[in-house]
Amino acid sequence: HELCHRKEMNHSKRFWAEVERVLPDYREAERWLKEH
């Protein structure tokens, strides 16, 4: 997530597409952080 901000200093669709390109299951980690 933080490394992708080196490409996009925002949370745009392009940013999230880059996160997903590297970690296709990133939403699972987001869910864990929200829960724990």
Full PDB file with SEQRES, HELIX, SHEET, SSBOND, CRYST1, ORIGX, SCALE, CONECT and MASTER records, all heavy atoms in Angstrom:
SEQRES   1 A   36  HIS GLU LEU CYS HIS ARG LYS GLU MET ASN HIS SER LYS          
SEQRES   2 A   36  ARG PHE TRP ALA GLU VAL GLU ARG VAL LEU PRO ASP TYR          
SEQRES   3 A   36  ARG GLU ALA GLU ARG TRP LEU LYS GLU HIS                      
HELIX    1 AA1 LEU A    3  ARG A    6  5                                   4    
HELIX    2 AA2 LYS A   13  VAL A   22  1                                  10    
HELIX    3 AA3 TYR A   26  GLU A   35  1                                  10    
CRYST1    1.000    1.000    1.000  90.00  90.00  90.00 P 1           1          
ORIGX1      1.000000  0.000000  0.000000        0.00000                         
ORIGX2      0.000000  1.000000  0.000000        0.00000                         
ORIGX3      0.000000  0.000000  1.000000        0.00000                         
SCALE1      1.000000  0.000000  0.000000        0.00000                         
SCALE2      0.000000  1.000000  0.000000        0.00000                         
SCALE3      0.000000  0.000000  1.000000        0.00000                         
ATOM      1  N   HIS A   1       0.842  -1.204   0.000  1.00  0.00           N  
ATOM      2  CA  HIS A   1       0.000   0.000   0.000  1.00  0.00           C  
ATOM      3  C   HIS A   1       0.877   1.254   0.000  1.00  0.00           C  
ATOM      4  O   HIS A   1       0.687   2.155  -0.825  1.00  0.00           O  
ATOM      5  CB  HIS A   1      -0.918  -0.035   1.234  1.00  0.00           C  
ATOM      6  CG  HIS A   1      -1.863   1.109   1.335  1.00  0.00           C  
ATOM      7  ND1 HIS A   1      -3.211   0.959   1.192  1.00  0.00           N  
ATOM      8  CD2 HIS A   1      -1.654   2.420   1.576  1.00  0.00           C  
ATOM      9  CE1 HIS A   1      -3.796   2.141   1.344  1.00  0.00           C  
ATOM     10  NE2 HIS A   1      -2.864   3.048   1.585  1.00  0.00           N  
ATOM     11  N   GLU A   2       1.838   1.301   0.908  1.00  0.00           N  
ATOM     12  CA  GLU A   2       2.686   2.495   1.000  1.00  0.00           C  
ATOM     13  C   GLU A   2       3.606   2.623  -0.207  1.00  0.00           C  
ATOM     14  O   GLU A   2       3.824   3.730  -0.701  1.00  0.00           O  
ATOM     15  CB  GLU A   2       3.471   2.508   2.308  1.00  0.00           C  
ATOM     16  CG  GLU A   2       2.603   2.531   3.557  1.00  0.00           C  
ATOM     17  CD  GLU A   2       1.486   3.567   3.548  1.00  0.00           C  
ATOM     18  OE1 GLU A   2       1.628   4.635   2.899  1.00  0.00           O  
ATOM     19  OE2 GLU A   2       0.447   3.313   4.184  1.00  0.00           O  
ATOM     20  N   LEU A   3       4.132   1.534  -0.705  1.00  0.00           N  
ATOM     21  CA  LEU A   3       4.969   1.607  -1.905  1.00  0.00           C  
ATOM     22  C   LEU A   3       4.162   2.081  -3.113  1.00  0.00           C  
ATOM     23  O   LEU A   3       4.684   2.823  -3.955  1.00  0.00           O  
ATOM     24  CB  LEU A   3       5.615   0.251  -2.192  1.00  0.00           C  
ATOM     25  CG  LEU A   3       6.760  -0.149  -1.261  1.00  0.00           C  
ATOM     26  CD1 LEU A   3       7.148  -1.606  -1.496  1.00  0.00           C  
ATOM     27  CD2 LEU A   3       7.966   0.774  -1.442  1.00  0.00           C  
ATOM     28  N   CYS A   4       2.921   1.689  -3.206  1.00  0.00           N  
ATOM     29  CA  CYS A   4       2.077   2.147  -4.325  1.00  0.00           C  
ATOM     30  C   CYS A   4       1.833   3.651  -4.260  1.00  0.00           C  
ATOM     31  O   CYS A   4       1.590   4.288  -5.290  1.00  0.00           O  
ATOM     32  CB  CYS A   4       0.760   1.373  -4.355  1.00  0.00           C  
ATOM     33  SG  CYS A   4       0.960  -0.327  -4.947  1.00  0.00           S  
ATOM     34  N   HIS A   5       1.934   4.223  -3.080  1.00  0.00           N  
ATOM     35  CA  HIS A   5       1.827   5.686  -2.971  1.00  0.00           C  
ATOM     36  C   HIS A   5       3.024   6.380  -3.621  1.00  0.00           C  
ATOM     37  O   HIS A   5       2.962   7.568  -3.916  1.00  0.00           O  
ATOM     38  CB  HIS A   5       1.701   6.122  -1.511  1.00  0.00           C  
ATOM     39  CG  HIS A   5       0.314   6.004  -0.987  1.00  0.00           C  
ATOM     40  ND1 HIS A   5      -0.784   6.499  -1.639  1.00  0.00           N  
ATOM     41  CD2 HIS A   5      -0.150   5.434   0.156  1.00  0.00           C  
ATOM     42  CE1 HIS A   5      -1.870   6.248  -0.934  1.00  0.00           C  
ATOM     43  NE2 HIS A   5      -1.511   5.598   0.157  1.00  0.00           N  
ATOM     44  N   ARG A   6       4.089   5.653  -3.876  1.00  0.00           N  
ATOM     45  CA  ARG A   6       5.216   6.235  -4.615  1.00  0.00           C  
ATOM     46  C   ARG A   6       4.815   6.493  -6.063  1.00  0.00           C  
ATOM     47  O   ARG A   6       5.423   7.320  -6.736  1.00  0.00           O  
ATOM     48  CB  ARG A   6       6.441   5.319  -4.561  1.00  0.00           C  
ATOM     49  CG  ARG A   6       7.009   5.109  -3.182  1.00  0.00           C  
ATOM     50  CD  ARG A   6       7.733   6.330  -2.641  1.00  0.00           C  
ATOM     51  NE  ARG A   6       8.911   6.574  -3.428  1.00  0.00           N  
ATOM     52  CZ  ARG A   6       9.261   7.784  -3.905  1.00  0.00           C  
ATOM     53  NH1 ARG A   6       8.521   8.837  -3.660  1.00  0.00           N  
ATOM     54  NH2 ARG A   6      10.348   7.907  -4.621  1.00  0.00           N  
ATOM     55  N   LYS A   7       3.793   5.793  -6.551  1.00  0.00           N  
ATOM     56  CA  LYS A   7       3.278   6.008  -7.905  1.00  0.00           C  
ATOM     57  C   LYS A   7       2.075   6.940  -7.895  1.00  0.00           C  
ATOM     58  O   LYS A   7       1.914   7.761  -8.795  1.00  0.00           O  
ATOM     59  CB  LYS A   7       2.859   4.674  -8.538  1.00  0.00           C  
ATOM     60  CG  LYS A   7       4.009   3.787  -8.911  1.00  0.00           C  
ATOM     61  CD  LYS A   7       3.502   2.552  -9.635  1.00  0.00           C  
ATOM     62  CE  LYS A   7       4.668   1.803 -10.264  1.00  0.00           C  
ATOM     63  NZ  LYS A   7       4.209   0.644 -11.030  1.00  0.00           N  
ATOM     64  N   GLU A   8       1.227   6.784  -6.924  1.00  0.00           N  
ATOM     65  CA  GLU A   8      -0.012   7.562  -6.800  1.00  0.00           C  
ATOM     66  C   GLU A   8      -0.137   8.016  -5.355  1.00  0.00           C  
ATOM     67  O   GLU A   8      -0.385   7.199  -4.478  1.00  0.00           O  
ATOM     68  CB  GLU A   8      -1.232   6.701  -7.166  1.00  0.00           C  
ATOM     69  CG  GLU A   8      -1.271   6.201  -8.582  1.00  0.00           C  
ATOM     70  CD  GLU A   8      -1.687   7.281  -9.573  1.00  0.00           C  
ATOM     71  OE1 GLU A   8      -2.398   8.234  -9.174  1.00  0.00           O  
ATOM     72  OE2 GLU A   8      -1.291   7.168 -10.743  1.00  0.00           O  
ATOM     73  N   MET A   9       0.006   9.328  -5.121  1.00  0.00           N  
ATOM     74  CA  MET A   9      -0.087   9.839  -3.746  1.00  0.00           C  
ATOM     75  C   MET A   9      -1.549  10.121  -3.374  1.00  0.00           C  
ATOM     76  O   MET A   9      -1.887  11.182  -2.851  1.00  0.00           O  
ATOM     77  CB  MET A   9       0.764  11.102  -3.578  1.00  0.00           C  
ATOM     78  CG  MET A   9       2.250  10.839  -3.535  1.00  0.00           C  
ATOM     79  SD  MET A   9       2.768   9.856  -2.118  1.00  0.00           S  
ATOM     80  CE  MET A   9       2.764  11.072  -0.824  1.00  0.00           C  
ATOM     81  N   ASN A  10      -2.394   9.173  -3.672  1.00  0.00           N  
ATOM     82  CA  ASN A  10      -3.828   9.309  -3.408  1.00  0.00           C  
ATOM     83  C   ASN A  10      -4.412   7.903  -3.323  1.00  0.00           C  
ATOM     84  O   ASN A  10      -3.689   6.929  -3.368  1.00  0.00           O  
ATOM     85  CB  ASN A  10      -4.493  10.117  -4.531  1.00  0.00           C  
ATOM     86  CG  ASN A  10      -4.204   9.509  -5.893  1.00  0.00           C  
ATOM     87  OD1 ASN A  10      -4.394   8.318  -6.108  1.00  0.00           O  
ATOM     88  ND2 ASN A  10      -3.709  10.321  -6.815  1.00  0.00           N  
ATOM     89  N   HIS A  11      -5.721   7.833  -3.210  1.00  0.00           N  
ATOM     90  CA  HIS A  11      -6.412   6.543  -3.198  1.00  0.00           C  
ATOM     91  C   HIS A  11      -7.360   6.454  -4.392  1.00  0.00           C  
ATOM     92  O   HIS A  11      -8.512   6.067  -4.257  1.00  0.00           O  
ATOM     93  CB  HIS A  11      -7.154   6.337  -1.874  1.00  0.00           C  
ATOM     94  CG  HIS A  11      -6.239   6.098  -0.716  1.00  0.00           C  
ATOM     95  ND1 HIS A  11      -6.091   6.996   0.307  1.00  0.00           N  
ATOM     96  CD2 HIS A  11      -5.393   5.083  -0.444  1.00  0.00           C  
ATOM     97  CE1 HIS A  11      -5.206   6.528   1.179  1.00  0.00           C  
ATOM     98  NE2 HIS A  11      -4.757   5.367   0.744  1.00  0.00           N  
ATOM     99  N   SER A  12      -6.835   6.782  -5.545  1.00  0.00           N  
ATOM    100  CA  SER A  12      -7.622   6.761  -6.782  1.00  0.00           C  
ATOM    101  C   SER A  12      -7.807   5.323  -7.276  1.00  0.00           C  
ATOM    102  O   SER A  12      -7.222   4.378  -6.756  1.00  0.00           O  
ATOM    103  CB  SER A  12      -6.896   7.572  -7.860  1.00  0.00           C  
ATOM    104  OG  SER A  12      -5.651   6.940  -8.170  1.00  0.00           O  
ATOM    105  N   LYS A  13      -8.598   5.183  -8.322  1.00  0.00           N  
ATOM    106  CA  LYS A  13      -8.789   3.865  -8.941  1.00  0.00           C  
ATOM    107  C   LYS A  13      -7.460   3.315  -9.436  1.00  0.00           C  
ATOM    108  O   LYS A  13      -7.201   2.114  -9.327  1.00  0.00           O  
ATOM    109  CB  LYS A  13      -9.791   3.952 -10.095  1.00  0.00           C  
ATOM    110  CG  LYS A  13     -11.206   4.125  -9.640  1.00  0.00           C  
ATOM    111  CD  LYS A  13     -12.162   4.151 -10.826  1.00  0.00           C  
ATOM    112  CE  LYS A  13     -13.584   4.325 -10.329  1.00  0.00           C  
ATOM    113  NZ  LYS A  13     -14.544   4.357 -11.423  1.00  0.00           N  
ATOM    114  N   ARG A  14      -6.610   4.179  -9.964  1.00  0.00           N  
ATOM    115  CA  ARG A  14      -5.291   3.726 -10.442  1.00  0.00           C  
ATOM    116  C   ARG A  14      -4.439   3.201  -9.290  1.00  0.00           C  
ATOM    117  O   ARG A  14      -3.733   2.208  -9.420  1.00  0.00           O  
ATOM    118  CB  ARG A  14      -4.564   4.849 -11.177  1.00  0.00           C  
ATOM    119  CG  ARG A  14      -5.134   5.110 -12.544  1.00  0.00           C  
ATOM    120  CD  ARG A  14      -4.267   5.950 -13.442  1.00  0.00           C  
ATOM    121  NE  ARG A  14      -3.361   6.875 -12.803  1.00  0.00           N  
ATOM    122  CZ  ARG A  14      -3.192   8.138 -13.166  1.00  0.00           C  
ATOM    123  NH1 ARG A  14      -3.876   8.636 -14.177  1.00  0.00           N  
ATOM    124  NH2 ARG A  14      -2.335   8.904 -12.548  1.00  0.00           N  
ATOM    125  N   PHE A  15      -4.526   3.887  -8.147  1.00  0.00           N  
ATOM    126  CA  PHE A  15      -3.785   3.442  -6.966  1.00  0.00           C  
ATOM    127  C   PHE A  15      -4.229   2.033  -6.574  1.00  0.00           C  
ATOM    128  O   PHE A  15      -3.405   1.133  -6.401  1.00  0.00           O  
ATOM    129  CB  PHE A  15      -4.000   4.412  -5.796  1.00  0.00           C  
ATOM    130  CG  PHE A  15      -3.500   3.872  -4.487  1.00  0.00           C  
ATOM    131  CD1 PHE A  15      -2.163   3.967  -4.148  1.00  0.00           C  
ATOM    132  CD2 PHE A  15      -4.364   3.246  -3.599  1.00  0.00           C  
ATOM    133  CE1 PHE A  15      -1.689   3.448  -2.945  1.00  0.00           C  
ATOM    134  CE2 PHE A  15      -3.907   2.729  -2.403  1.00  0.00           C  
ATOM    135  CZ  PHE A  15      -2.563   2.828  -2.072  1.00  0.00           C  
ATOM    136  N   TRP A  16      -5.541   1.841  -6.413  1.00  0.00           N  
ATOM    137  CA  TRP A  16      -6.056   0.541  -5.975  1.00  0.00           C  
ATOM    138  C   TRP A  16      -5.797  -0.541  -7.009  1.00  0.00           C  
ATOM    139  O   TRP A  16      -5.567  -1.704  -6.652  1.00  0.00           O  
ATOM    140  CB  TRP A  16      -7.532   0.632  -5.610  1.00  0.00           C  
ATOM    141  CG  TRP A  16      -7.711   1.411  -4.341  1.00  0.00           C  
ATOM    142  CD1 TRP A  16      -8.291   2.634  -4.192  1.00  0.00           C  
ATOM    143  CD2 TRP A  16      -7.267   1.024  -3.031  1.00  0.00           C  
ATOM    144  NE1 TRP A  16      -8.237   3.029  -2.878  1.00  0.00           N  
ATOM    145  CE2 TRP A  16      -7.617   2.058  -2.141  1.00  0.00           C  
ATOM    146  CE3 TRP A  16      -6.608  -0.099  -2.531  1.00  0.00           C  
ATOM    147  CZ2 TRP A  16      -7.334   2.001  -0.780  1.00  0.00           C  
ATOM    148  CZ3 TRP A  16      -6.323  -0.160  -1.169  1.00  0.00           C  
ATOM    149  CH2 TRP A  16      -6.683   0.890  -0.310  1.00  0.00           C  
ATOM    150  N   ALA A  17      -5.795  -0.186  -8.282  1.00  0.00           N  
ATOM    151  CA  ALA A  17      -5.472  -1.165  -9.329  1.00  0.00           C  
ATOM    152  C   ALA A  17      -4.027  -1.626  -9.188  1.00  0.00           C  
ATOM    153  O   ALA A  17      -3.719  -2.807  -9.408  1.00  0.00           O  
ATOM    154  CB  ALA A  17      -5.717  -0.560 -10.713  1.00  0.00           C  
ATOM    155  N   GLU A  18      -3.147  -0.723  -8.822  1.00  0.00           N  
ATOM    156  CA  GLU A  18      -1.736  -1.077  -8.622  1.00  0.00           C  
ATOM    157  C   GLU A  18      -1.575  -1.989  -7.405  1.00  0.00           C  
ATOM    158  O   GLU A  18      -0.837  -2.971  -7.448  1.00  0.00           O  
ATOM    159  CB  GLU A  18      -0.887   0.191  -8.469  1.00  0.00           C  
ATOM    160  CG  GLU A  18       0.586  -0.051  -8.420  1.00  0.00           C  
ATOM    161  CD  GLU A  18       1.159  -0.651  -9.698  1.00  0.00           C  
ATOM    162  OE1 GLU A  18       0.528  -0.573 -10.769  1.00  0.00           O  
ATOM    163  OE2 GLU A  18       2.265  -1.226  -9.607  1.00  0.00           O  
ATOM    164  N   VAL A  19      -2.259  -1.661  -6.312  1.00  0.00           N  
ATOM    165  CA  VAL A  19      -2.217  -2.525  -5.127  1.00  0.00           C  
ATOM    166  C   VAL A  19      -2.703  -3.925  -5.502  1.00  0.00           C  
ATOM    167  O   VAL A  19      -2.066  -4.930  -5.170  1.00  0.00           O  
ATOM    168  CB  VAL A  19      -3.069  -1.940  -3.975  1.00  0.00           C  
ATOM    169  CG1 VAL A  19      -3.164  -2.929  -2.819  1.00  0.00           C  
ATOM    170  CG2 VAL A  19      -2.493  -0.615  -3.477  1.00  0.00           C  
ATOM    171  N   GLU A  20      -3.810  -3.982  -6.226  1.00  0.00           N  
ATOM    172  CA  GLU A  20      -4.379  -5.276  -6.604  1.00  0.00           C  
ATOM    173  C   GLU A  20      -3.480  -6.043  -7.581  1.00  0.00           C  
ATOM    174  O   GLU A  20      -3.409  -7.274  -7.525  1.00  0.00           O  
ATOM    175  CB  GLU A  20      -5.764  -5.073  -7.215  1.00  0.00           C  
ATOM    176  CG  GLU A  20      -6.505  -6.362  -7.444  1.00  0.00           C  
ATOM    177  CD  GLU A  20      -7.956  -6.145  -7.789  1.00  0.00           C  
ATOM    178  OE1 GLU A  20      -8.289  -5.094  -8.383  1.00  0.00           O  
ATOM    179  OE2 GLU A  20      -8.764  -7.032  -7.484  1.00  0.00           O  
ATOM    180  N   ARG A  21      -2.775  -5.332  -8.434  1.00  0.00           N  
ATOM    181  CA  ARG A  21      -1.848  -5.995  -9.354  1.00  0.00           C  
ATOM    182  C   ARG A  21      -0.789  -6.765  -8.578  1.00  0.00           C  
ATOM    183  O   ARG A  21      -0.443  -7.896  -8.914  1.00  0.00           O  
ATOM    184  CB  ARG A  21      -1.175  -4.963 -10.274  1.00  0.00           C  
ATOM    185  CG  ARG A  21      -0.158  -5.568 -11.255  1.00  0.00           C  
ATOM    186  CD  ARG A  21       0.598  -4.514 -12.030  1.00  0.00           C  
ATOM    187  NE  ARG A  21       1.537  -3.754 -11.223  1.00  0.00           N  
ATOM    188  CZ  ARG A  21       2.741  -4.195 -10.834  1.00  0.00           C  
ATOM    189  NH1 ARG A  21       3.158  -5.394 -11.161  1.00  0.00           N  
ATOM    190  NH2 ARG A  21       3.538  -3.423 -10.109  1.00  0.00           N  
ATOM    191  N   VAL A  22      -0.289  -6.160  -7.514  1.00  0.00           N  
ATOM    192  CA  VAL A  22       0.779  -6.778  -6.721  1.00  0.00           C  
ATOM    193  C   VAL A  22       0.211  -7.792  -5.723  1.00  0.00           C  
ATOM    194  O   VAL A  22       0.788  -8.863  -5.529  1.00  0.00           O  
ATOM    195  CB  VAL A  22       1.603  -5.695  -5.985  1.00  0.00           C  
ATOM    196  CG1 VAL A  22       2.687  -6.313  -5.122  1.00  0.00           C  
ATOM    197  CG2 VAL A  22       2.202  -4.712  -6.985  1.00  0.00           C  
ATOM    198  N   LEU A  23      -0.909  -7.447  -5.108  1.00  0.00           N  
ATOM    199  CA  LEU A  23      -1.532  -8.326  -4.101  1.00  0.00           C  
ATOM    200  C   LEU A  23      -3.017  -8.496  -4.444  1.00  0.00           C  
ATOM    201  O   LEU A  23      -3.856  -7.761  -3.925  1.00  0.00           O  
ATOM    202  CB  LEU A  23      -1.409  -7.726  -2.702  1.00  0.00           C  
ATOM    203  CG  LEU A  23      -0.034  -7.685  -2.063  1.00  0.00           C  
ATOM    204  CD1 LEU A  23      -0.093  -6.989  -0.715  1.00  0.00           C  
ATOM    205  CD2 LEU A  23       0.523  -9.087  -1.894  1.00  0.00           C  
ATOM    206  N   PRO A  24      -3.354  -9.447  -5.280  1.00  0.00           N  
ATOM    207  CA  PRO A  24      -4.746  -9.615  -5.697  1.00  0.00           C  
ATOM    208  C   PRO A  24      -5.730  -9.815  -4.537  1.00  0.00           C  
ATOM    209  O   PRO A  24      -6.893  -9.443  -4.645  1.00  0.00           O  
ATOM    210  CB  PRO A  24      -4.709 -10.854  -6.598  1.00  0.00           C  
ATOM    211  CG  PRO A  24      -3.295 -10.945  -7.059  1.00  0.00           C  
ATOM    212  CD  PRO A  24      -2.455 -10.382  -5.953  1.00  0.00           C  
ATOM    213  N   ASP A  25      -5.260 -10.372  -3.422  1.00  0.00           N  
ATOM    214  CA  ASP A  25      -6.142 -10.622  -2.273  1.00  0.00           C  
ATOM    215  C   ASP A  25      -6.001  -9.562  -1.183  1.00  0.00           C  
ATOM    216  O   ASP A  25      -6.253  -9.838  -0.008  1.00  0.00           O  
ATOM    217  CB  ASP A  25      -5.845 -12.003  -1.678  1.00  0.00           C  
ATOM    218  CG  ASP A  25      -6.116 -13.123  -2.665  1.00  0.00           C  
ATOM    219  OD1 ASP A  25      -6.986 -12.946  -3.542  1.00  0.00           O  
ATOM    220  OD2 ASP A  25      -5.456 -14.168  -2.562  1.00  0.00           O  
ATOM    221  N   TYR A  26      -5.637  -8.336  -1.549  1.00  0.00           N  
ATOM    222  CA  TYR A  26      -5.366  -7.309  -0.535  1.00  0.00           C  
ATOM    223  C   TYR A  26      -6.568  -7.010   0.348  1.00  0.00           C  
ATOM    224  O   TYR A  26      -6.418  -6.614   1.501  1.00  0.00           O  
ATOM    225  CB  TYR A  26      -4.843  -6.023  -1.183  1.00  0.00           C  
ATOM    226  CG  TYR A  26      -5.891  -5.161  -1.813  1.00  0.00           C  
ATOM    227  CD1 TYR A  26      -6.557  -4.187  -1.078  1.00  0.00           C  
ATOM    228  CD2 TYR A  26      -6.248  -5.311  -3.153  1.00  0.00           C  
ATOM    229  CE1 TYR A  26      -7.529  -3.386  -1.651  1.00  0.00           C  
ATOM    230  CE2 TYR A  26      -7.208  -4.527  -3.730  1.00  0.00           C  
ATOM    231  CZ  TYR A  26      -7.856  -3.570  -2.980  1.00  0.00           C  
ATOM    232  OH  TYR A  26      -8.825  -2.789  -3.547  1.00  0.00           O  
ATOM    233  N   ARG A  27      -7.774  -7.208  -0.179  1.00  0.00           N  
ATOM    234  CA  ARG A  27      -8.975  -6.895   0.612  1.00  0.00           C  
ATOM    235  C   ARG A  27      -9.075  -7.758   1.873  1.00  0.00           C  
ATOM    236  O   ARG A  27      -9.633  -7.330   2.882  1.00  0.00           O  
ATOM    237  CB  ARG A  27     -10.220  -7.048  -0.240  1.00  0.00           C  
ATOM    238  CG  ARG A  27     -10.371  -5.941  -1.266  1.00  0.00           C  
ATOM    239  CD  ARG A  27     -11.582  -6.164  -2.169  1.00  0.00           C  
ATOM    240  NE  ARG A  27     -11.640  -5.168  -3.218  1.00  0.00           N  
ATOM    241  CZ  ARG A  27     -11.031  -5.289  -4.396  1.00  0.00           C  
ATOM    242  NH1 ARG A  27     -10.322  -6.367  -4.676  1.00  0.00           N  
ATOM    243  NH2 ARG A  27     -11.134  -4.334  -5.301  1.00  0.00           N  
ATOM    244  N   GLU A  28      -8.514  -8.949   1.815  1.00  0.00           N  
ATOM    245  CA  GLU A  28      -8.490  -9.825   2.992  1.00  0.00           C  
ATOM    246  C   GLU A  28      -7.674  -9.179   4.115  1.00  0.00           C  
ATOM    247  O   GLU A  28      -8.055  -9.220   5.284  1.00  0.00           O  
ATOM    248  CB  GLU A  28      -7.878 -11.159   2.583  1.00  0.00           C  
ATOM    249  CG  GLU A  28      -8.292 -12.331   3.415  1.00  0.00           C  
ATOM    250  CD  GLU A  28      -7.737 -13.623   2.841  1.00  0.00           C  
ATOM    251  OE1 GLU A  28      -8.007 -13.938   1.667  1.00  0.00           O  
ATOM    252  OE2 GLU A  28      -7.016 -14.301   3.594  1.00  0.00           O  
ATOM    253  N   ALA A  29      -6.551  -8.589   3.767  1.00  0.00           N  
ATOM    254  CA  ALA A  29      -5.711  -7.910   4.763  1.00  0.00           C  
ATOM    255  C   ALA A  29      -6.404  -6.663   5.293  1.00  0.00           C  
ATOM    256  O   ALA A  29      -6.340  -6.387   6.494  1.00  0.00           O  
ATOM    257  CB  ALA A  29      -4.362  -7.551   4.154  1.00  0.00           C  
ATOM    258  N   GLU A  30      -7.050  -5.923   4.417  1.00  0.00           N  
ATOM    259  CA  GLU A  30      -7.807  -4.751   4.872  1.00  0.00           C  
ATOM    260  C   GLU A  30      -8.874  -5.168   5.880  1.00  0.00           C  
ATOM    261  O   GLU A  30      -9.065  -4.512   6.908  1.00  0.00           O  
ATOM    262  CB  GLU A  30      -8.501  -4.063   3.691  1.00  0.00           C  
ATOM    263  CG  GLU A  30      -7.639  -3.135   2.918  1.00  0.00           C  
ATOM    264  CD  GLU A  30      -8.476  -2.325   1.947  1.00  0.00           C  
ATOM    265  OE1 GLU A  30      -9.424  -2.873   1.336  1.00  0.00           O  
ATOM    266  OE2 GLU A  30      -8.173  -1.132   1.808  1.00  0.00           O  
ATOM    267  N   ARG A  31      -9.558  -6.251   5.570  1.00  0.00           N  
ATOM    268  CA  ARG A  31     -10.607  -6.757   6.455  1.00  0.00           C  
ATOM    269  C   ARG A  31     -10.024  -7.136   7.807  1.00  0.00           C  
ATOM    270  O   ARG A  31     -10.580  -6.818   8.859  1.00  0.00           O  
ATOM    271  CB  ARG A  31     -11.301  -7.954   5.807  1.00  0.00           C  
ATOM    272  CG  ARG A  31     -12.586  -8.377   6.458  1.00  0.00           C  
ATOM    273  CD  ARG A  31     -13.339  -9.476   5.704  1.00  0.00           C  
ATOM    274  NE  ARG A  31     -13.416  -9.224   4.271  1.00  0.00           N  
ATOM    275  CZ  ARG A  31     -12.831  -9.987   3.319  1.00  0.00           C  
ATOM    276  NH1 ARG A  31     -12.156 -11.058   3.659  1.00  0.00           N  
ATOM    277  NH2 ARG A  31     -12.945  -9.677   2.054  1.00  0.00           N  
ATOM    278  N   TRP A  32      -8.863  -7.788   7.795  1.00  0.00           N  
ATOM    279  CA  TRP A  32      -8.230  -8.183   9.053  1.00  0.00           C  
ATOM    280  C   TRP A  32      -7.919  -6.948   9.898  1.00  0.00           C  
ATOM    281  O   TRP A  32      -8.174  -6.936  11.096  1.00  0.00           O  
ATOM    282  CB  TRP A  32      -6.954  -8.989   8.790  1.00  0.00           C  
ATOM    283  CG  TRP A  32      -6.428  -9.646  10.025  1.00  0.00           C  
ATOM    284  CD1 TRP A  32      -6.657 -10.923  10.429  1.00  0.00           C  
ATOM    285  CD2 TRP A  32      -5.617  -9.041  11.047  1.00  0.00           C  
ATOM    286  NE1 TRP A  32      -6.027 -11.151  11.642  1.00  0.00           N  
ATOM    287  CE2 TRP A  32      -5.395 -10.017  12.038  1.00  0.00           C  
ATOM    288  CE3 TRP A  32      -5.071  -7.766  11.220  1.00  0.00           C  
ATOM    289  CZ2 TRP A  32      -4.637  -9.764  13.186  1.00  0.00           C  
ATOM    290  CZ3 TRP A  32      -4.321  -7.513  12.357  1.00  0.00           C  
ATOM    291  CH2 TRP A  32      -4.109  -8.488  13.324  1.00  0.00           C  
ATOM    292  N   LEU A  33      -7.362  -5.924   9.267  1.00  0.00           N  
ATOM    293  CA  LEU A  33      -7.037  -4.698  10.009  1.00  0.00           C  
ATOM    294  C   LEU A  33      -8.288  -4.032  10.580  1.00  0.00           C  
ATOM    295  O   LEU A  33      -8.267  -3.531  11.704  1.00  0.00           O  
ATOM    296  CB  LEU A  33      -6.276  -3.717   9.116  1.00  0.00           C  
ATOM    297  CG  LEU A  33      -4.789  -3.990   8.970  1.00  0.00           C  
ATOM    298  CD1 LEU A  33      -4.180  -3.061   7.930  1.00  0.00           C  
ATOM    299  CD2 LEU A  33      -4.064  -3.856  10.302  1.00  0.00           C  
ATOM    300  N   LYS A  34      -9.360  -4.033   9.812  1.00  0.00           N  
ATOM    301  CA  LYS A  34     -10.608  -3.433  10.319  1.00  0.00           C  
ATOM    302  C   LYS A  34     -11.142  -4.217  11.513  1.00  0.00           C  
ATOM    303  O   LYS A  34     -11.665  -3.634  12.464  1.00  0.00           O  
ATOM    304  CB  LYS A  34     -11.657  -3.367   9.214  1.00  0.00           C  
ATOM    305  CG  LYS A  34     -11.402  -2.244   8.249  1.00  0.00           C  
ATOM    306  CD  LYS A  34     -12.449  -2.183   7.166  1.00  0.00           C  
ATOM    307  CE  LYS A  34     -12.083  -1.069   6.202  1.00  0.00           C  
ATOM    308  NZ  LYS A  34     -12.768  -1.141   4.948  1.00  0.00           N  
ATOM    309  N   GLU A  35     -11.013  -5.531  11.454  1.00  0.00           N  
ATOM    310  CA  GLU A  35     -11.538  -6.371  12.528  1.00  0.00           C  
ATOM    311  C   GLU A  35     -10.635  -6.426  13.752  1.00  0.00           C  
ATOM    312  O   GLU A  35     -11.117  -6.576  14.871  1.00  0.00           O  
ATOM    313  CB  GLU A  35     -11.785  -7.792  12.008  1.00  0.00           C  
ATOM    314  CG  GLU A  35     -12.918  -7.876  11.015  1.00  0.00           C  
ATOM    315  CD  GLU A  35     -13.061  -9.259  10.388  1.00  0.00           C  
ATOM    316  OE1 GLU A  35     -12.349 -10.214  10.812  1.00  0.00           O  
ATOM    317  OE2 GLU A  35     -13.884  -9.388   9.458  1.00  0.00           O  
ATOM    318  N   HIS A  36      -9.317  -6.325  13.573  1.00  0.00           N  
ATOM    319  CA  HIS A  36      -8.380  -6.552  14.681  1.00  0.00           C  
ATOM    320  C   HIS A  36      -7.459  -5.375  14.989  1.00  0.00           C  
ATOM    321  O   HIS A  36      -6.743  -5.417  15.996  1.00  0.00           O  
ATOM    322  CB  HIS A  36      -7.514  -7.783  14.385  1.00  0.00           C  
ATOM    323  CG  HIS A  36      -8.314  -9.017  14.149  1.00  0.00           C  
ATOM    324  ND1 HIS A  36      -8.934  -9.711  15.150  1.00  0.00           N  
ATOM    325  CD2 HIS A  36      -8.624  -9.672  12.997  1.00  0.00           C  
ATOM    326  CE1 HIS A  36      -9.574 -10.749  14.649  1.00  0.00           C  
ATOM    327  NE2 HIS A  36      -9.397 -10.743  13.336  1.00  0.00           N  
TER     328      HIS A  36                                                      
MASTER        0    0    0    3    0    0    0    6  327    1    0    3          
END                                                                             
